[in-house]
């Protein structure tokens, strides 16, 4: 097992323990049915927080692996290179003035020759559904998880989370729903780790010649 996998597996273990505590809190015999209903409902946003936190953690660790390689930007997988370059050089809003264009070109030449240091800040837009997760994976040169396995399940999970987080009083959560969403988060964490670790072990973040 790679050092990357060891770190991320430890993080998964911690998050799995938190999920177990969430589920245990809803099953305590000492609480009233009203309290149990409240705990079940707000366990969904808590599960989401664990899920989004995992995404930011594991991709941040993945970026650290790339940075530790001390390779130039031009050696990166084209997807990583594109995302990194647009962020660093502000290519989404290029200058119109000739002098500023020349400065930008000079910066670009230096940028691609320099040792890369990717940002460890992972943008998620606080809504890590299947499309968002796939976009994050793409920007770091990683193939998406199976759409048929996760797209609809994540959409359902996010729908519950968003309604509860925005105070929709019509949403109720039972044990079956909590088990469904906690299983989803656990499966996602495992599959994301397997996928990213394969990229680490095989150095797929480096451009293939």
Protein backbone atom coordinates (compact mmCIF):
# COMPACT_ATOMS: atom_id res chain seq x y z
CA UNK A 1 0.00 0.00 0.00
CA UNK A 2 1.34 3.43 -0.93
CA UNK A 3 1.94 6.14 1.67
CA UNK A 4 -0.85 8.08 -0.02
CA UNK A 5 -3.24 5.14 0.45
CA UNK A 6 -2.22 4.72 4.09
CA UNK A 7 -2.98 8.36 4.87
CA UNK A 8 -6.31 8.31 3.07
CA UNK A 9 -7.34 4.97 4.55
CA UNK A 10 -6.73 6.40 8.03
CA UNK A 11 -8.96 9.34 7.11
CA UNK A 12 -11.67 6.96 5.87
CA UNK A 13 -11.45 5.01 9.13
CA UNK A 14 -12.01 8.19 11.12
CA UNK A 15 -14.97 9.20 8.98
CA UNK A 16 -16.43 5.70 9.20
CA UNK A 17 -16.25 5.94 12.99
CA UNK A 18 -18.07 9.26 12.86
CA UNK A 19 -20.80 7.70 10.71
CA UNK A 20 -21.16 4.86 13.21
CA UNK A 21 -21.56 7.37 16.04
CA UNK A 22 -24.20 9.26 14.05
CA UNK A 23 -26.19 6.07 13.55
CA UNK A 24 -25.72 5.04 17.18
CA UNK A 25 -27.04 8.39 18.42
CA UNK A 26 -30.34 7.82 16.58
CA UNK A 27 -30.80 4.39 18.17
CA UNK A 28 -30.32 5.29 21.84
CA UNK A 29 -33.24 3.92 23.87
CA UNK A 30 -33.20 6.91 26.22
CA UNK A 31 -34.27 9.49 23.62
CA UNK A 32 -37.85 10.37 22.73
CA UNK A 33 -39.33 9.70 19.29
CA UNK A 34 -39.35 13.43 18.61
CA UNK A 35 -35.65 13.68 19.42
CA UNK A 36 -34.92 10.58 17.37
CA UNK A 37 -36.65 12.14 14.37
CA UNK A 38 -34.58 15.29 14.72
CA UNK A 39 -31.34 13.33 15.00
CA UNK A 40 -32.22 11.22 11.96
CA UNK A 41 -33.05 14.29 9.88
CA UNK A 42 -29.91 16.23 10.70
CA UNK A 43 -27.70 13.19 10.30
CA UNK A 44 -28.04 13.72 6.53
CA UNK A 45 -26.27 17.13 6.45
CA UNK A 46 -23.70 15.66 8.85
CA UNK A 47 -23.10 12.76 6.46
CA UNK A 48 -22.70 15.23 3.62
CA UNK A 49 -20.13 17.20 5.62
CA UNK A 50 -18.12 14.00 6.08
CA UNK A 51 -18.39 13.26 2.37
CA UNK A 52 -17.34 16.73 1.17
CA UNK A 53 -14.59 16.84 3.78
CA UNK A 54 -13.24 13.57 2.42
CA UNK A 55 -13.23 14.90 -1.13
CA UNK A 56 -11.23 17.99 -0.17
CA UNK A 57 -8.84 15.89 1.94
CA UNK A 58 -8.05 13.16 -0.56
CA UNK A 59 -7.58 15.49 -3.53
CA UNK A 60 -5.39 17.75 -1.42
CA UNK A 61 -3.23 14.73 -0.57
CA UNK A 62 -3.19 13.77 -4.26
CA UNK A 63 -1.93 17.25 -5.15
CA UNK A 64 0.83 16.90 -2.54
CA UNK A 65 1.96 13.71 -4.25
CA UNK A 66 2.22 15.54 -7.59
CA UNK A 67 4.04 18.50 -6.03
CA UNK A 68 6.55 16.17 -4.40
CA UNK A 69 7.60 14.92 -7.85
CA UNK A 70 9.27 18.28 -8.61
CA UNK A 71 8.31 18.12 -12.27
CA UNK A 72 7.67 21.02 -14.61
CA UNK A 73 4.21 22.11 -15.59
CA UNK A 74 4.76 20.97 -19.17
CA UNK A 75 5.24 17.38 -17.95
CA UNK A 76 1.78 17.18 -16.39
CA UNK A 77 -1.20 15.35 -17.80
CA UNK A 78 -2.95 17.78 -20.15
CA UNK A 79 -6.04 18.00 -17.92
CA UNK A 80 -4.04 18.97 -14.83
CA UNK A 81 -1.84 21.31 -16.86
CA UNK A 82 -4.88 23.06 -18.33
CA UNK A 83 -6.63 23.60 -15.00
CA UNK A 84 -3.44 24.72 -13.27
CA UNK A 85 -2.45 27.09 -16.08
CA UNK A 86 -5.84 28.75 -16.36
CA UNK A 87 -5.81 29.36 -12.60
CA UNK A 88 -2.22 30.58 -12.40
CA UNK A 89 -2.20 32.73 -15.53
CA UNK A 90 -5.82 33.90 -15.45
CA UNK A 91 -6.29 32.67 -19.01
CA UNK A 92 -10.07 32.92 -18.74
CA UNK A 93 -9.65 36.72 -18.97
CA UNK A 94 -6.65 37.36 -21.23
CA UNK A 95 -5.42 40.94 -21.74
CA UNK A 96 -6.25 42.94 -24.86
CA UNK A 97 -3.41 45.44 -24.70
CA UNK A 98 -0.40 44.38 -26.80
CA UNK A 99 2.18 45.09 -24.12
CA UNK A 100 0.23 43.08 -21.56
CA UNK A 101 -0.16 40.22 -24.03
CA UNK A 102 3.62 40.11 -24.43
CA UNK A 103 4.05 40.02 -20.65
CA UNK A 104 1.56 37.17 -20.47
CA UNK A 105 3.39 35.18 -23.14
CA UNK A 106 6.64 35.60 -21.24
CA UNK A 107 4.92 34.46 -18.05
CA UNK A 108 3.49 31.45 -19.90
CA UNK A 109 6.92 30.38 -21.11
CA UNK A 110 8.33 30.59 -17.59
CA UNK A 111 5.22 28.89 -16.19
CA UNK A 112 5.59 25.76 -18.31
CA UNK A 113 9.33 25.50 -17.63
CA UNK A 114 9.07 25.98 -13.87
CA UNK A 115 8.65 23.24 -11.28
CA UNK A 116 4.93 22.87 -10.67
CA UNK A 117 3.34 23.66 -7.33
CA UNK A 118 -0.36 22.98 -7.54
CA UNK A 119 -2.68 24.59 -5.02
CA UNK A 120 -3.89 22.24 -2.28
CA UNK A 121 -7.12 24.23 -1.97
CA UNK A 122 -9.77 22.05 -3.59
CA UNK A 123 -12.81 23.89 -4.97
CA UNK A 124 -16.05 21.91 -4.55
CA UNK A 125 -18.76 24.60 -4.77
CA UNK A 126 -20.20 22.97 -1.62
CA UNK A 127 -22.32 20.64 -3.69
CA UNK A 128 -20.38 17.46 -4.45
CA UNK A 129 -22.88 15.55 -6.56
CA UNK A 130 -21.85 13.22 -9.40
CA UNK A 131 -21.24 16.04 -11.90
CA UNK A 132 -19.16 18.03 -9.41
CA UNK A 133 -17.12 14.99 -8.38
CA UNK A 134 -16.50 14.06 -12.02
CA UNK A 135 -15.38 17.62 -12.79
CA UNK A 136 -12.92 17.55 -9.88
CA UNK A 137 -11.59 14.18 -11.02
CA UNK A 138 -11.21 15.44 -14.59
CA UNK A 139 -9.24 18.53 -13.60
CA UNK A 140 -6.74 16.26 -11.84
CA UNK A 141 -6.47 13.82 -14.73
CA UNK A 142 -8.58 11.05 -13.20
CA UNK A 143 -11.30 8.97 -14.83
CA UNK A 144 -14.77 9.41 -13.25
CA UNK A 145 -16.49 6.81 -11.12
CA UNK A 146 -19.15 4.67 -12.85
CA UNK A 147 -22.14 6.87 -13.69
CA UNK A 148 -24.65 4.04 -13.43
CA UNK A 149 -23.48 3.21 -9.92
CA UNK A 150 -23.40 6.69 -8.43
CA UNK A 151 -25.16 9.45 -10.40
CA UNK A 152 -28.75 8.83 -9.27
CA UNK A 153 -27.79 7.81 -5.74
CA UNK A 154 -25.72 10.95 -5.23
CA UNK A 155 -28.47 13.10 -6.71
CA UNK A 156 -30.95 11.67 -4.22
CA UNK A 157 -28.55 12.18 -1.32
CA UNK A 158 -27.86 15.79 -2.33
CA UNK A 159 -31.57 16.47 -2.79
CA UNK A 160 -32.29 15.39 0.80
CA UNK A 161 -29.26 17.24 2.15
CA UNK A 162 -30.07 20.50 0.38
CA UNK A 163 -33.71 20.52 1.43
CA UNK A 164 -32.85 19.79 5.06
CA UNK A 165 -29.98 22.30 5.08
CA UNK A 166 -32.33 24.99 3.74
CA UNK A 167 -34.97 24.36 6.39
CA UNK A 168 -37.54 22.38 4.39
CA UNK A 169 -39.80 21.03 7.14
CA UNK A 170 -41.50 18.47 4.89
CA UNK A 171 -38.47 16.18 4.75
CA UNK A 172 -38.33 13.21 7.10
CA UNK A 173 -35.59 10.61 7.43
CA UNK A 174 -35.94 7.08 8.79
CA UNK A 175 -33.44 4.33 9.60
CA UNK A 176 -33.66 2.90 6.09
CA UNK A 177 -32.80 6.25 4.51
CA UNK A 178 -29.93 6.85 6.93
CA UNK A 179 -28.49 3.41 6.18
CA UNK A 180 -28.89 4.06 2.46
CA UNK A 181 -26.97 7.33 2.54
CA UNK A 182 -24.28 6.12 4.94
CA UNK A 183 -23.66 3.09 2.72
CA UNK A 184 -23.39 5.40 -0.29
CA UNK A 185 -20.79 7.60 1.41
CA UNK A 186 -18.75 4.58 2.49
CA UNK A 187 -18.77 3.10 -1.02
CA UNK A 188 -17.84 6.44 -2.55
CA UNK A 189 -14.88 6.93 -0.24
CA UNK A 190 -13.56 3.45 -0.96
CA UNK A 191 -13.93 3.79 -4.74
CA UNK A 192 -12.41 7.27 -4.86
CA UNK A 193 -9.42 6.03 -2.88
CA UNK A 194 -8.94 2.98 -5.13
CA UNK A 195 -9.10 5.17 -8.23
CA UNK A 196 -6.72 7.87 -6.99
CA UNK A 197 -4.26 5.37 -5.55
CA UNK A 198 -4.04 3.68 -8.96
CA UNK A 199 -3.13 7.06 -10.43
CA UNK A 200 -0.49 7.56 -7.73
CA UNK A 201 1.08 4.12 -8.08
CA UNK A 202 1.19 4.35 -11.87
CA UNK A 203 2.02 8.07 -11.96
CA UNK A 204 -0.82 8.79 -14.33
CA UNK A 205 -0.59 12.50 -13.53
CA UNK A 206 2.48 12.67 -15.77
CA UNK A 207 1.81 13.24 -19.48
CA UNK A 208 1.86 10.00 -21.44
CA UNK A 209 4.31 10.05 -24.31
